[in-house]
Protein backbone atom coordinates (compact mmCIF):
# COMPACT_ATOMS: atom_id res chain seq x y z
CA MET A 1 202.16 -2.49 -43.95
CA SER A 2 205.80 -1.90 -44.07
CA LEU A 3 206.66 -5.72 -44.74
CA LYS A 4 204.20 -6.22 -47.50
CA GLY A 5 205.87 -8.09 -50.17
CA LYS A 6 209.20 -8.49 -48.55
CA LYS A 7 211.30 -11.55 -49.48
CA ILE A 8 212.65 -12.83 -46.04
CA VAL A 9 215.34 -15.82 -45.32
CA LEU A 10 215.01 -16.58 -41.66
CA GLY A 11 218.04 -18.55 -40.39
CA VAL A 12 217.88 -20.08 -37.33
CA THR A 13 220.29 -21.79 -35.23
CA GLY A 14 221.02 -23.84 -32.65
CA SER A 15 219.20 -22.54 -29.09
CA ILE A 16 216.32 -22.95 -27.00
CA ALA A 17 214.88 -19.85 -28.30
CA ALA A 18 214.07 -21.57 -31.44
CA TYR A 19 210.92 -22.97 -30.15
CA LYS A 20 209.80 -19.48 -30.60
CA THR A 21 210.52 -19.05 -34.31
CA PRO A 22 207.29 -20.76 -36.07
CA GLN A 23 205.34 -17.87 -34.20
CA LEU A 24 207.94 -15.67 -35.37
CA VAL A 25 207.02 -17.01 -39.29
CA ARG A 26 203.50 -16.71 -38.33
CA LEU A 27 204.14 -12.84 -37.78
CA LEU A 28 205.86 -12.10 -40.29
CA ILE A 29 203.49 -13.56 -42.88
CA LYS A 30 200.86 -11.98 -41.24
CA ALA A 31 202.97 -8.91 -41.63
CA GLY A 32 202.67 -9.54 -45.63
CA ALA A 33 206.61 -11.13 -45.94
CA GLU A 34 207.31 -14.00 -47.65
CA VAL A 35 209.67 -16.46 -45.50
CA ARG A 36 212.05 -18.99 -47.03
CA VAL A 37 213.62 -20.81 -43.78
CA VAL A 38 217.42 -22.18 -43.33
CA ILE A 39 217.75 -24.23 -40.57
CA THR A 40 221.24 -25.71 -39.15
CA ASP A 41 221.20 -29.25 -37.56
CA ALA A 42 221.55 -28.21 -34.17
CA ALA A 43 218.42 -26.15 -34.23
CA ALA A 44 216.77 -29.03 -35.45
CA LEU A 45 217.36 -30.11 -31.85
CA PHE A 46 214.89 -27.69 -30.63
CA VAL A 47 212.24 -26.92 -33.25
CA SER A 48 211.02 -29.37 -35.98
CA PRO A 49 211.95 -28.65 -39.49
CA LEU A 50 208.51 -29.69 -40.24
CA SER A 51 206.83 -27.32 -38.39
CA LEU A 52 208.86 -24.23 -40.06
CA ALA A 53 207.95 -25.64 -43.15
CA THR A 54 203.94 -25.79 -42.51
CA VAL A 55 203.98 -22.30 -41.28
CA SER A 56 206.17 -20.85 -44.05
CA LYS A 57 204.68 -22.98 -46.28
CA TYR A 58 208.09 -23.90 -48.09
CA PRO A 59 210.37 -26.43 -47.17
CA ALA A 60 212.98 -25.70 -44.33
CA LEU A 61 216.20 -26.07 -45.87
CA SER A 62 219.22 -27.58 -44.00
CA SER A 63 221.84 -28.53 -46.42
CA VAL A 64 223.23 -27.35 -49.55
CA SER A 65 221.91 -30.82 -51.37
CA ASP A 66 219.20 -32.97 -50.12
CA GLY A 67 220.71 -35.67 -52.53
CA SER A 68 218.63 -35.00 -55.30
CA THR A 69 218.45 -31.47 -55.44
CA TRP A 70 220.75 -28.69 -55.12
CA ASN A 71 219.49 -25.81 -52.64
CA ASN A 72 221.48 -22.57 -54.01
CA HIS A 73 222.35 -20.77 -51.53
CA VAL A 74 223.56 -17.87 -53.95
CA GLU A 75 220.11 -17.78 -55.46
CA LEU A 76 218.62 -17.65 -51.70
CA GLY A 77 221.09 -14.66 -51.31
CA LEU A 78 220.39 -12.84 -53.98
CA TRP A 79 216.14 -13.70 -53.78
CA ALA A 80 216.06 -12.17 -50.12
CA ASP A 81 215.16 -8.40 -49.30
CA GLY A 82 216.19 -9.30 -45.79
CA MET A 83 218.11 -12.11 -44.03
CA LEU A 84 216.91 -12.66 -40.63
CA ILE A 85 219.21 -14.93 -38.24
CA ALA A 86 216.88 -15.68 -34.96
CA PRO A 87 218.00 -16.81 -32.87
CA CYS A 88 221.73 -16.91 -33.64
CA SER A 89 223.89 -18.37 -30.77
CA ALA A 90 227.41 -17.80 -30.05
CA ASN A 91 228.75 -20.28 -32.33
CA THR A 92 227.28 -18.85 -35.49
CA LEU A 93 227.96 -15.70 -34.44
CA GLY A 94 231.44 -16.38 -34.20
CA LYS A 95 231.29 -18.06 -37.68
CA LEU A 96 229.43 -14.88 -39.10
CA ALA A 97 232.10 -12.68 -37.95
CA ASN A 98 234.79 -14.73 -39.00
CA GLY A 99 233.73 -15.71 -42.51
CA LEU A 100 233.20 -19.36 -41.87
CA CYS A 101 231.08 -21.26 -44.26
CA ASP A 102 230.74 -25.03 -43.01
CA ASN A 103 226.74 -25.08 -43.52
CA LEU A 104 224.08 -23.73 -45.49
CA LEU A 105 222.99 -21.06 -43.64
CA ASN A 106 226.87 -19.68 -43.08
CA ALA A 107 226.42 -20.09 -46.88
CA VAL A 108 223.20 -17.84 -47.75
CA TYR A 109 224.81 -15.17 -45.40
CA LEU A 110 228.09 -15.29 -47.07
CA SER A 111 226.45 -14.68 -50.47
CA SER A 112 223.46 -12.49 -49.55
CA ARG A 113 223.47 -8.40 -50.59
CA CYS A 114 220.48 -7.68 -48.45
CA PRO A 115 220.27 -6.10 -45.04
CA VAL A 116 221.20 -8.69 -42.65
CA PHE A 117 219.57 -8.75 -38.92
CA ILE A 118 220.68 -10.79 -36.14
CA ALA A 119 218.86 -11.89 -32.66
CA PRO A 120 221.50 -13.25 -30.32
CA ALA A 121 220.48 -15.97 -27.98
CA MET A 122 222.63 -17.01 -25.04
CA ASP A 123 223.14 -17.06 -21.31
CA GLU A 124 224.57 -14.11 -19.66
CA ASP A 125 228.30 -15.37 -19.10
CA MET A 126 228.70 -16.18 -23.14
CA TRP A 127 226.89 -13.01 -24.01
CA LEU A 128 229.10 -10.89 -21.86
CA HIS A 129 232.22 -12.75 -22.94
CA PRO A 130 234.82 -10.53 -24.61
CA SER A 131 235.42 -13.03 -27.23
CA VAL A 132 231.54 -12.72 -28.18
CA GLN A 133 231.39 -8.82 -27.80
CA SER A 134 234.51 -8.71 -29.90
CA ASN A 135 232.34 -10.75 -32.75
CA VAL A 136 228.95 -8.21 -32.28
CA SER A 137 231.23 -5.48 -32.69
CA ARG A 138 232.87 -6.73 -35.63
CA LEU A 139 229.27 -7.59 -36.95
CA LYS A 140 228.55 -4.23 -36.61
CA GLY A 141 231.42 -3.02 -38.12
CA PHE A 142 230.32 -5.29 -41.49
CA GLY A 143 226.83 -3.22 -41.08
CA ASN A 144 224.66 -5.85 -39.74
CA HIS A 145 221.74 -4.94 -37.39
CA LEU A 146 222.39 -6.29 -34.33
CA ILE A 147 218.56 -6.62 -32.11
CA PRO A 148 219.31 -6.06 -28.71
CA VAL A 149 219.24 -9.03 -26.36
CA GLY A 150 216.49 -9.48 -23.94
CA HIS A 151 216.72 -9.33 -19.73
CA GLY A 152 214.98 -12.25 -18.13
CA GLU A 153 215.09 -15.76 -17.16
CA LEU A 154 217.50 -17.76 -19.16
CA ALA A 155 217.57 -21.78 -20.20
CA SER A 156 220.48 -21.97 -17.36
CA GLY A 157 217.80 -20.74 -14.69
CA LEU A 158 219.65 -17.89 -14.24
CA THR A 159 217.97 -14.04 -14.71
CA GLY A 160 220.27 -11.78 -16.66
CA ASP A 161 221.01 -10.43 -20.43
CA GLY A 162 221.09 -12.54 -23.34
CA ARG A 163 217.46 -14.07 -23.98
CA MET A 164 216.49 -13.55 -27.85
CA ALA A 165 214.37 -10.36 -28.41
CA GLU A 166 210.49 -11.63 -28.60
CA PRO A 167 208.85 -12.43 -31.99
CA GLU A 168 206.98 -9.38 -31.65
CA ASP A 169 210.14 -6.91 -30.92
CA ILE A 170 211.94 -8.66 -33.77
CA LEU A 171 208.63 -7.80 -36.20
CA HIS A 172 208.33 -4.48 -35.02
CA TYR A 173 212.52 -4.00 -35.54
CA LEU A 174 212.02 -5.04 -39.20
CA GLU A 175 208.71 -3.13 -39.41
CA ASN A 176 210.49 0.15 -37.90
CA PHE A 177 213.93 -0.44 -40.61
CA TRP A 178 211.66 -0.32 -43.79
CA GLU A 179 209.83 2.27 -42.68
CA GLY A 180 212.98 4.19 -42.60
CA LYS A 181 213.16 4.54 -38.52
CA TYR A 182 216.34 4.52 -36.52
CA ARG A 183 215.11 1.99 -33.46
CA PRO A 184 218.84 1.14 -32.03
CA LEU A 185 216.96 0.61 -28.55
CA ALA A 186 214.46 -2.21 -29.85
CA GLY A 187 214.04 -4.72 -27.28
CA ILE A 188 215.40 -2.69 -24.51
CA LYS A 189 213.14 -2.07 -21.57
CA ALA A 190 214.00 1.83 -19.62
CA LEU A 191 212.74 3.33 -16.44
CA VAL A 192 212.12 6.94 -16.31
CA THR A 193 210.98 9.27 -13.28
CA ALA A 194 209.44 12.51 -13.98
CA GLY A 195 207.53 15.08 -12.05
CA PRO A 196 207.44 16.38 -8.69
CA THR A 197 206.66 14.41 -5.46
CA TYR A 198 204.13 15.64 -2.61
CA GLU A 199 204.72 14.72 0.66
CA PRO A 200 201.69 14.99 3.07
CA ILE A 201 201.36 17.18 6.08
CA ASP A 202 197.92 16.83 6.78
CA PRO A 203 194.93 15.85 4.51
CA VAL A 204 195.03 19.05 2.74
CA ARG A 205 198.42 20.27 2.69
CA PHE A 206 201.96 18.71 1.40
CA ILE A 207 205.55 19.55 0.79
CA GLY A 208 206.04 19.88 -2.93
CA ASN A 209 208.12 21.56 -5.76
CA PHE A 210 207.43 23.47 -8.91
CA SER A 211 208.24 20.36 -11.38
CA SER A 212 205.85 20.01 -13.93
CA GLY A 213 207.08 16.61 -15.49
CA LYS A 214 207.87 18.10 -19.12
CA MET A 215 211.35 17.09 -19.49
CA GLY A 216 211.04 13.90 -17.78
CA ILE A 217 208.05 13.06 -20.10
CA ALA A 218 209.99 14.32 -23.07
CA VAL A 219 212.77 11.77 -22.16
CA ALA A 220 210.19 8.89 -22.09
CA GLU A 221 209.01 9.69 -25.09
CA ALA A 222 212.14 10.20 -26.53
CA LEU A 223 213.41 6.68 -25.86
CA ALA A 224 210.03 5.09 -26.91
CA ASP A 225 210.92 6.65 -30.16
CA LYS A 226 214.16 4.75 -30.27
CA GLY A 227 212.42 1.51 -29.90
CA ALA A 228 212.65 1.13 -26.11
CA GLN A 229 209.68 -0.19 -24.21
CA VAL A 230 209.39 2.50 -21.34
CA THR A 231 207.90 2.44 -17.98
CA LEU A 232 207.29 5.94 -16.86
CA VAL A 233 206.95 6.72 -12.79
CA LEU A 234 205.18 9.93 -12.88
CA GLY A 235 204.91 11.97 -9.79
CA PRO A 236 201.29 14.42 -9.44
CA SER A 237 201.24 16.19 -12.58
CA ASN A 238 199.08 17.55 -15.22
CA GLU A 239 201.19 16.39 -18.07
CA ARG A 240 200.50 13.38 -19.60
CA THR A 241 202.17 10.81 -22.65
CA THR A 242 199.58 8.84 -24.76
CA HIS A 243 202.82 7.13 -26.50
CA SER A 244 202.10 3.56 -27.07
CA MET A 245 205.65 2.60 -26.13
CA VAL A 246 205.26 4.22 -22.69
CA LYS A 247 203.45 2.70 -19.57
CA THR A 248 202.74 4.98 -16.63
CA ILE A 249 202.47 4.18 -13.07
CA SER A 250 201.24 7.06 -11.06
CA VAL A 251 202.88 8.04 -7.83
CA VAL A 252 202.68 10.87 -5.28
CA THR A 253 205.23 10.63 -2.91
CA ALA A 254 208.95 9.73 -2.53
CA LEU A 255 208.35 6.62 -0.94
CA GLU A 256 206.19 5.30 -3.57
CA MET A 257 208.41 6.51 -6.38
CA TYR A 258 211.26 4.71 -4.52
CA ASP A 259 209.14 1.68 -4.30
CA ALA A 260 207.72 1.53 -7.79
CA CYS A 261 211.50 2.21 -9.27
CA MET A 262 213.00 -0.59 -6.98
CA ALA A 263 210.18 -2.71 -8.27
CA GLU A 264 210.92 -2.20 -12.34
CA PHE A 265 215.08 -1.30 -12.16
CA ASN A 266 216.17 -5.08 -12.23
CA GLN A 267 213.90 -5.63 -15.57
CA CYS A 268 215.62 -2.40 -17.17
CA GLN A 269 218.80 -2.03 -19.01
CA ILE A 270 218.37 1.84 -18.54
CA ALA A 271 216.97 4.15 -16.13
CA ILE A 272 217.11 7.87 -16.03
CA LEU A 273 215.57 9.64 -12.83
CA ALA A 274 214.47 12.96 -13.85
CA ALA A 275 212.04 13.52 -11.49
CA ALA A 276 212.12 16.35 -8.88
CA VAL A 277 211.80 14.03 -5.66
CA ALA A 278 211.67 15.74 -2.31
CA ASP A 279 214.63 15.09 0.35
CA TYR A 280 212.48 15.33 3.40
CA ARG A 281 209.08 14.35 4.32
CA PRO A 282 207.11 15.22 7.51
CA LEU A 283 208.04 12.58 10.14
CA VAL A 284 204.25 12.35 11.05
CA LYS A 285 201.17 13.24 9.04
CA ALA A 286 198.69 14.76 10.80
CA SER A 287 195.33 12.60 10.59
CA GLU A 288 193.24 15.99 10.53
CA LYS A 289 193.84 19.59 9.37
CA ILE A 290 195.96 21.09 11.20
CA LYS A 291 194.22 24.28 12.73
CA LYS A 292 195.99 27.59 12.40
CA ASN A 293 196.18 28.38 16.65
CA GLU A 294 199.48 29.03 17.15
CA THR A 295 201.78 31.98 16.17
CA GLU A 296 204.59 29.20 15.32
CA PHE A 297 204.33 25.64 14.07
CA ASN A 298 207.42 23.64 14.34
CA LEU A 299 207.32 20.85 11.49
CA ILE A 300 210.08 17.85 11.96
CA LEU A 301 211.07 16.32 8.75
CA THR A 302 212.89 13.17 7.85
CA LYS A 303 214.80 11.89 5.01
CA ASN A 304 213.72 10.32 2.30
CA ASN A 305 215.26 7.30 0.40
CA ASP A 306 217.91 8.73 -2.55
CA ILE A 307 216.57 6.65 -5.45
CA LEU A 308 219.13 7.43 -7.85
CA ALA A 309 222.17 6.59 -5.09
CA SER A 310 219.70 3.47 -4.06
CA LEU A 311 219.71 1.77 -7.82
CA GLY A 312 223.41 2.75 -8.09
CA LYS A 313 224.20 0.45 -5.40
CA ILE A 314 222.36 -2.34 -7.27
CA LYS A 315 223.24 -1.49 -10.72
CA GLU A 316 224.62 -4.24 -12.80
CA PRO A 317 227.26 -3.82 -15.59
CA TRP A 318 224.40 -4.19 -18.44
CA GLN A 319 222.43 -1.21 -16.66
CA THR A 320 223.10 2.37 -17.52
CA LEU A 321 221.91 4.86 -14.91
CA VAL A 322 221.07 8.57 -16.01
CA GLY A 323 220.68 11.27 -13.09
CA PHE A 324 219.68 14.66 -12.97
CA ALA A 325 220.91 17.54 -10.73
CA LEU A 326 219.18 21.25 -10.69
CA GLU A 327 221.62 23.60 -9.28
CA THR A 328 221.64 27.26 -8.05
CA ASN A 329 225.08 27.41 -7.25
CA ASN A 330 228.85 25.80 -7.76
CA GLU A 331 226.54 23.55 -10.02
CA LEU A 332 229.36 21.90 -12.00
CA GLU A 333 230.87 20.88 -8.53
CA HIS A 334 227.83 19.21 -7.26
CA ALA A 335 227.05 17.43 -10.41
CA SER A 336 230.39 15.71 -10.81
CA GLY A 337 230.18 14.96 -7.24
CA LYS A 338 226.85 13.34 -7.88
CA LEU A 339 228.17 11.20 -10.87
CA GLU A 340 230.50 9.42 -8.80
CA ALA A 341 229.18 9.26 -5.39
CA LYS A 342 225.87 7.64 -6.93
CA ASN A 343 227.63 5.64 -9.33
CA ALA A 344 225.54 7.09 -12.27
CA ASP A 345 226.84 6.53 -15.78
CA MET A 346 225.64 10.27 -16.95
CA ILE A 347 224.36 13.47 -14.73
CA VAL A 348 222.19 16.02 -16.45
CA LEU A 349 222.88 18.96 -14.88
CA ASN A 350 220.59 22.22 -15.59
CA SER A 351 220.75 25.65 -13.40
CA LEU A 352 218.05 27.89 -12.25
CA LYS A 353 220.46 30.61 -13.25
CA ASP A 354 219.97 29.83 -16.92
CA GLU A 355 217.17 31.82 -18.42
CA GLY A 356 214.43 29.59 -20.31
CA ALA A 357 215.87 26.30 -17.92
CA GLY A 358 214.26 24.45 -15.13
CA PHE A 359 210.69 24.00 -14.07
CA GLY A 360 207.74 25.02 -15.81
CA HIS A 361 209.56 26.01 -19.11
CA ASP A 362 209.14 24.53 -22.33
CA THR A 363 212.80 24.37 -22.92
CA ASN A 364 215.84 23.69 -21.10
CA LYS A 365 219.91 24.21 -21.08
CA ILE A 366 221.57 21.37 -20.16
CA THR A 367 225.18 20.08 -19.62
CA LEU A 368 225.69 16.15 -20.09
CA LEU A 369 228.56 15.02 -17.59
CA ILE A 370 229.32 11.51 -18.89
CA LYS A 371 231.47 8.80 -17.25
CA GLY A 372 234.74 9.15 -18.55
CA LYS A 373 234.04 11.67 -21.03
CA ASP A 374 234.40 15.32 -21.20
CA ASN A 375 231.32 17.72 -20.43
CA LEU A 376 228.95 18.19 -23.11
CA ASP A 377 227.21 21.68 -23.01
CA LEU A 378 224.20 22.00 -25.22
CA PRO A 379 222.43 25.15 -26.08
CA LEU A 380 218.87 26.56 -24.70
CA GLN A 381 216.35 24.32 -26.92
CA SER A 382 213.07 22.75 -26.23
CA LYS A 383 212.66 20.02 -24.15
CA LYS A 384 212.04 17.94 -26.62
CA SER A 385 215.44 18.25 -28.61
CA ALA A 386 217.09 18.22 -25.39
CA ALA A 387 215.76 14.82 -24.44
CA GLY A 388 216.66 13.80 -27.89
CA ALA A 389 220.18 14.94 -27.20
CA ILE A 390 220.12 13.00 -24.03
CA VAL A 391 219.23 9.75 -25.51
CA ASP A 392 221.42 10.14 -28.15
CA ASN A 393 224.12 10.09 -26.07
CA LEU A 394 223.04 7.47 -24.03
CA ILE A 395 222.84 5.45 -26.84
CA LYS A 396 226.40 6.01 -28.01
CA LEU A 397 227.54 5.91 -24.65
CA ARG A 398 226.05 2.22 -24.47
CA TYR A 399 227.88 1.23 -27.68
CA ASP A 400 231.24 2.45 -26.14
CA GLN A 401 230.77 0.52 -23.14
CA GLU A 402 229.68 -2.92 -25.31
CA THR A 403 232.74 -2.59 -27.48
CA VAL A 404 235.32 -2.09 -24.97
């Protein structure tokens, strides 16, 4: 176990999420770590110091002195292999960013020489406030590791960003850090679409395309390798993923893919739509196999919902939306139009004119069109490498957006 023998100081601050910290301590100890807890006075209103002392097997410290004993903050800071502050309130976040030292937790932080991991927890309006984001950027600049906040129900009763990452996600973040894995998307939920859609004409025939799903699956796995929890909405494809961090929802038609995406999108910070979705479907599906009686056969088609445009209309500032464009002519013009018209943050363009790119290949040649930035042309490479480039540029884009 990567945490075996690690000495961790857990700082707990005044947030309702503090009630999760006894479980967090249990998980850390089960993984082999030794844990000492430092708790602020505000945190003690949400979680009992006694409960934290019970699960950690050491007193939960809250002051430099308890009247008879001096709790040496310098010694604690030097003892630790890592300091974890979870939950970290907006108040403590600001103090850490500006070197303020009015309690034992802040003193230990300023004395520590080990990696510091911070799991913020606050309401969405607080989290998105420019002053808080400025403090986040400042702490990242000091070399601290910010564990991404989650999205969901908040203490205010609203739903949004700002939840402390779940104890299991925090544990995985620390494990991956000490295993040498860079996991900047830990705690992030992502939606990916892949493969074709089949639009039935009758019980045995359909309108489809040649998409294999390889590119979208590679993107889903690249996101998961960076720590994201991925929901893959996969059309009819022979390709599969066995990645433990990827949950697959199998669909057949464009309408099924649309419904799955609409149901999942509001829980995700990232959506990458790599599927080759049919633009049209038969207006009527025959209940029986259509017989070959006539010389000509007329098929009336109706337009499918545009998934990228639909998600673009409801996209929130905390969400990043990426679409794919497979073109055969005027490639950049069409892809640029899609970036703007569909409120996407990035369009991944590939052309059927490029040898080794497009459907069925194990390679791809792509151009990344990123909102507000110059286009990035990438060479022909494996779809796995192309997926890694997409995800790396998405991570950079999200970081740039957070620090604006």
